[in-house]
C-alpha atoms as a PDB file:
ATOM      1  CA  MET A   1      31.213 -71.634  56.301  1.00  0.00           C
ATOM      2  CA  ILE A   2      31.184 -74.889  54.190  1.00  0.00           C
ATOM      3  CA  LEU A   3      27.304 -75.252  54.808  1.00  0.00           C
ATOM      4  CA  ARG A   4      26.614 -71.667  53.565  1.00  0.00           C
ATOM      5  CA  GLY A   5      28.598 -72.034  50.221  1.00  0.00           C
ATOM      6  CA  LEU A   6      26.632 -75.200  49.706  1.00  0.00           C
ATOM      7  CA  TRP A   7      23.457 -73.500  50.562  1.00  0.00           C
ATOM      8  CA  ILE A   8      24.219 -70.600  47.804  1.00  0.00           C
ATOM      9  CA  ALA A   9      25.130 -73.403  45.325  1.00  0.00           C
ATOM     10  CA  ILE A  10      22.009 -74.789  45.658  1.00  0.00           C
ATOM     11  CA  VAL A  11      19.986 -71.647  45.151  1.00  0.00           C
ATOM     12  CA  LEU A  12      22.069 -70.765  42.303  1.00  0.00           C
ATOM     13  CA  ALA A  13      21.194 -74.014  40.836  1.00  0.00           C
ATOM     14  CA  MET A  14      17.529 -73.751  41.292  1.00  0.00           C
ATOM     15  CA  LEU A  15      17.443 -70.316  40.071  1.00  0.00           C
ATOM     16  CA  GLY A  16      19.303 -71.511  36.728  1.00  0.00           C
ATOM     17  CA  GLY A  17      16.454 -73.809  36.264  1.00  0.00           C
ATOM     18  CA  CYS A  18      13.748 -70.947  36.065  1.00  0.00           C
ATOM     19  CA  GLY A  19      15.102 -69.839  32.607  1.00  0.00           C
ATOM     20  CA  ALA A  20      14.368 -73.112  30.981  1.00  0.00           C
ATOM     21  CA  GLY A  21      14.574 -72.375  27.324  1.00  0.00           C
ATOM     22  CA  GLY A  22      13.339 -74.238  24.098  1.00  0.00           C
ATOM     23  CA  ALA A  23      14.923 -74.957  20.870  1.00  0.00           C
ATOM     24  CA  LYS A  24      16.407 -71.847  19.032  1.00  0.00           C
ATOM     25  CA  PHE A  25      14.939 -71.318  15.329  1.00  0.00           C
ATOM     26  CA  SER A  26      17.298 -72.258  12.736  1.00  0.00           C
ATOM     27  CA  GLY A  27      15.738 -71.280   9.506  1.00  0.00           C
ATOM     28  CA  LEU A  28      12.729 -72.650   7.300  1.00  0.00           C
ATOM     29  CA  GLU A  29      12.799 -76.164   6.075  1.00  0.00           C
ATOM     30  CA  GLN A  30      11.657 -77.449   2.637  1.00  0.00           C
ATOM     31  CA  ILE A  31       8.318 -79.019   2.389  1.00  0.00           C
ATOM     32  CA  ALA A  32       6.789 -81.632   0.062  1.00  0.00           C
ATOM     33  CA  ASP A  33       4.036 -80.665  -2.212  1.00  0.00           C
ATOM     34  CA  ASN A  34       1.337 -82.813  -0.436  1.00  0.00           C
ATOM     35  CA  SER A  35       2.365 -81.494   3.087  1.00  0.00           C
ATOM     36  CA  ALA A  36       2.076 -78.524   5.112  1.00  0.00           C
ATOM     37  CA  GLN A  37       4.641 -77.127   7.838  1.00  0.00           C
ATOM     38  CA  VAL A  38       3.662 -75.253  11.093  1.00  0.00           C
ATOM     39  CA  TYR A  39       6.042 -73.560  13.218  1.00  0.00           C
ATOM     40  CA  ILE A  40       4.843 -72.547  16.800  1.00  0.00           C
ATOM     41  CA  TYR A  41       7.021 -69.964  18.568  1.00  0.00           C
ATOM     42  CA  ARG A  42       6.759 -68.804  21.989  1.00  0.00           C
ATOM     43  CA  PRO A  43       8.761 -65.416  22.795  1.00  0.00           C
ATOM     44  CA  SER A  44      10.863 -65.264  25.825  1.00  0.00           C
ATOM     45  CA  SER A  45       9.307 -63.837  28.717  1.00  0.00           C
ATOM     46  CA  PHE A  46      10.008 -63.645  32.512  1.00  0.00           C
ATOM     47  CA  ILE A  47       6.121 -64.430  33.058  1.00  0.00           C
ATOM     48  CA  GLN A  48       5.758 -68.278  33.670  1.00  0.00           C
ATOM     49  CA  SER A  49       9.212 -68.710  31.967  1.00  0.00           C
ATOM     50  CA  ALA A  50       9.957 -72.034  33.900  1.00  0.00           C
ATOM     51  CA  ASN A  51       6.420 -73.298  32.840  1.00  0.00           C
ATOM     52  CA  TYR A  52       5.482 -74.583  29.525  1.00  0.00           C
ATOM     53  CA  PRO A  53       2.428 -76.383  27.868  1.00  0.00           C
ATOM     54  CA  ASP A  54       2.587 -79.933  25.921  1.00  0.00           C
ATOM     55  CA  LEU A  55       1.562 -79.688  22.410  1.00  0.00           C
ATOM     56  CA  ALA A  56      -0.202 -82.529  20.533  1.00  0.00           C
ATOM     57  CA  LEU A  57      -1.637 -82.926  16.933  1.00  0.00           C
ATOM     58  CA  ASP A  58      -4.621 -85.150  16.527  1.00  0.00           C
ATOM     59  CA  GLY A  59      -3.769 -86.807  19.902  1.00  0.00           C
ATOM     60  CA  GLN A  60      -0.187 -87.415  18.999  1.00  0.00           C
ATOM     61  CA  GLU A  61       2.447 -85.634  20.882  1.00  0.00           C
ATOM     62  CA  ILE A  62       4.539 -82.972  19.239  1.00  0.00           C
ATOM     63  CA  GLY A  63       6.475 -81.608  21.866  1.00  0.00           C
ATOM     64  CA  GLN A  64       6.534 -79.099  24.826  1.00  0.00           C
ATOM     65  CA  LEU A  65       6.749 -75.370  23.827  1.00  0.00           C
ATOM     66  CA  LYS A  66       9.385 -73.938  26.433  1.00  0.00           C
ATOM     67  CA  ASN A  67      10.172 -70.325  27.072  1.00  0.00           C
ATOM     68  CA  GLY A  68      11.692 -68.427  23.944  1.00  0.00           C
ATOM     69  CA  GLY A  69      11.592 -71.855  21.846  1.00  0.00           C
ATOM     70  CA  TYR A  70       9.348 -73.191  18.763  1.00  0.00           C
ATOM     71  CA  LEU A  71       8.187 -76.324  17.424  1.00  0.00           C
ATOM     72  CA  ARG A  72       8.244 -77.241  13.958  1.00  0.00           C
ATOM     73  CA  PHE A  73       6.188 -80.143  12.416  1.00  0.00           C
ATOM     74  CA  THR A  74       5.162 -81.249   8.874  1.00  0.00           C
ATOM     75  CA  VAL A  75       1.739 -82.925   8.289  1.00  0.00           C
ATOM     76  CA  PRO A  76      -0.343 -84.071   5.783  1.00  0.00           C
ATOM     77  CA  ALA A  77      -2.896 -81.296   4.104  1.00  0.00           C
ATOM     78  CA  GLY A  78      -6.176 -81.033   5.533  1.00  0.00           C
ATOM     79  CA  GLU A  79      -7.893 -80.613   8.690  1.00  0.00           C
ATOM     80  CA  HIS A  80      -6.205 -81.145  12.185  1.00  0.00           C
ATOM     81  CA  ASN A  81      -6.807 -80.496  15.751  1.00  0.00           C
ATOM     82  CA  LEU A  82      -3.907 -78.896  17.936  1.00  0.00           C
ATOM     83  CA  SER A  83      -4.165 -79.202  21.565  1.00  0.00           C
ATOM     84  CA  VAL A  84      -2.377 -77.003  24.197  1.00  0.00           C
ATOM     85  CA  THR A  85      -2.244 -78.808  27.513  1.00  0.00           C
ATOM     86  CA  GLY A  86      -0.442 -79.233  30.619  1.00  0.00           C
ATOM     87  CA  ASN A  87      -0.186 -80.357  34.029  1.00  0.00           C
ATOM     88  CA  VAL A  88      -0.965 -78.023  37.133  1.00  0.00           C
ATOM     89  CA  MET A  89       2.935 -78.160  37.977  1.00  0.00           C
ATOM     90  CA  MET A  90       4.084 -77.290  34.627  1.00  0.00           C
ATOM     91  CA  TRP A  91       1.328 -75.192  32.942  1.00  0.00           C
ATOM     92  CA  ILE A  92      -1.317 -73.410  35.116  1.00  0.00           C
ATOM     93  CA  HIS A  93      -3.715 -72.251  32.129  1.00  0.00           C
ATOM     94  CA  ARG A  94      -6.668 -73.971  30.695  1.00  0.00           C
ATOM     95  CA  ASP A  95      -6.222 -76.724  28.110  1.00  0.00           C
ATOM     96  CA  ARG A  96      -7.104 -75.396  24.632  1.00  0.00           C
ATOM     97  CA  ASN A  97      -7.826 -77.129  21.369  1.00  0.00           C
ATOM     98  CA  VAL A  98      -7.223 -75.408  18.186  1.00  0.00           C
ATOM     99  CA  PRO A  99      -8.636 -76.585  14.737  1.00  0.00           C
ATOM    100  CA  LEU A 100      -6.308 -76.236  11.937  1.00  0.00           C
ATOM    101  CA  LYS A 101      -6.789 -76.208   8.322  1.00  0.00           C
ATOM    102  CA  LEU A 102      -3.654 -76.528   6.363  1.00  0.00           C
ATOM    103  CA  GLU A 103      -3.037 -76.275   2.504  1.00  0.00           C
ATOM    104  CA  ALA A 104      -0.578 -78.368   0.614  1.00  0.00           C
ATOM    105  CA  GLY A 105       2.746 -76.824   0.082  1.00  0.00           C
ATOM    106  CA  LYS A 106       2.142 -73.963   2.653  1.00  0.00           C
ATOM    107  CA  THR A 107       3.865 -72.983   5.541  1.00  0.00           C
ATOM    108  CA  TYR A 108       1.913 -71.333   8.795  1.00  0.00           C
ATOM    109  CA  PHE A 109       3.069 -69.708  11.762  1.00  0.00           C
ATOM    110  CA  TYR A 110       1.637 -69.454  15.066  1.00  0.00           C
ATOM    111  CA  LYS A 111       2.856 -67.659  18.237  1.00  0.00           C
ATOM    112  CA  LEU A 112       1.825 -68.393  21.867  1.00  0.00           C
ATOM    113  CA  THR A 113       2.295 -65.592  24.411  1.00  0.00           C
ATOM    114  CA  VAL A 114       2.050 -65.384  28.036  1.00  0.00           C
ATOM    115  CA  THR A 115       0.447 -62.549  30.064  1.00  0.00           C
ATOM    116  CA  LEU A 116       0.065 -60.846  33.216  1.00  0.00           C
ATOM    117  CA  ASN A 117      -3.612 -59.993  32.452  1.00  0.00           C
ATOM    118  CA  ASN A 118      -6.858 -61.345  31.095  1.00  0.00           C
ATOM    119  CA  SER A 119      -6.550 -59.669  27.895  1.00  0.00           C
ATOM    120  CA  SER A 120      -5.473 -62.807  25.989  1.00  0.00           C
ATOM    121  CA  THR A 121      -7.720 -65.217  24.093  1.00  0.00           C
ATOM    122  CA  GLY A 122      -6.419 -68.579  25.383  1.00  0.00           C
ATOM    123  CA  GLY A 123      -7.704 -68.941  28.907  1.00  0.00           C
ATOM    124  CA  VAL A 124      -7.106 -67.291  32.122  1.00  0.00           C
ATOM    125  CA  ASN A 125      -5.915 -68.536  35.598  1.00  0.00           C
ATOM    126  CA  ILE A 126      -6.203 -66.524  38.644  1.00  0.00           C
ATOM    127  CA  GLY A 127      -3.432 -67.232  41.398  1.00  0.00           C
ATOM    128  CA  PHE A 128      -1.300 -65.639  43.844  1.00  0.00           C
ATOM    129  CA  GLY A 129      -2.749 -62.279  43.500  1.00  0.00           C
ATOM    130  CA  GLN A 130      -2.406 -62.258  39.644  1.00  0.00           C
ATOM    131  CA  SER A 131      -4.550 -62.958  36.624  1.00  0.00           C
ATOM    132  CA  HIS A 132      -2.358 -64.983  33.959  1.00  0.00           C
ATOM    133  CA  GLY A 133      -3.360 -65.686  30.624  1.00  0.00           C
ATOM    134  CA  TYR A 134      -1.867 -66.763  27.275  1.00  0.00           C
ATOM    135  CA  GLY A 135      -2.952 -66.170  23.649  1.00  0.00           C
ATOM    136  CA  PHE A 136      -2.448 -68.344  20.710  1.00  0.00           C
ATOM    137  CA  TYR A 137      -2.285 -66.625  17.191  1.00  0.00           C
ATOM    138  CA  GLN A 138      -1.700 -67.061  13.737  1.00  0.00           C
ATOM    139  CA  ILE A 139       0.911 -64.950  12.090  1.00  0.00           C
ATOM    140  CA  LYS A 140       0.198 -64.557   8.363  1.00  0.00           C
ATOM    141  CA  ASP A 141       2.932 -62.462   7.078  1.00  0.00           C
ATOM    142  CA  GLU A 142       5.767 -64.529   6.822  1.00  0.00           C
ATOM    143  CA  LYS A 143       8.397 -61.741   6.936  1.00  0.00           C
ATOM    144  CA  GLU A 144       6.738 -60.913  10.336  1.00  0.00           C
ATOM    145  CA  ALA A 145       7.026 -64.276  11.707  1.00  0.00           C
ATOM    146  CA  LEU A 146      10.776 -64.461  10.473  1.00  0.00           C
ATOM    147  CA  ALA A 147      11.648 -61.196  12.117  1.00  0.00           C
ATOM    148  CA  VAL A 148      10.682 -62.369  15.595  1.00  0.00           C
END
């Protein structure tokens, strides 16, 4: 009986880790005139919910984009390279590099989505009888971005 209770506790603890979520949005931040600000959002989804990519800008790590979370960073205006990568255990999708051209004093919004089909634009991985893909999109309308 004690072993059964212990087993149930272990299973519940493992399932709790499947819903690992990221930081919740807390509003826009002020930016300096010579900088640009970037928000990258990942909607909460059951698909690949425990998996997440590492994001880096110009080779410098920004953070991990967890399910239902977002990352915000401020950088000097200009051209930059955003990379979406991960190891096989945490992010099964192909690595992707996204060129960003950012203007001073502006805020940019991007959305990363994970799907169960190959209609996304980021890359496709086929495994366990399913086709998973992810998309990385810029949202140009601030109202639309903030409504998410």
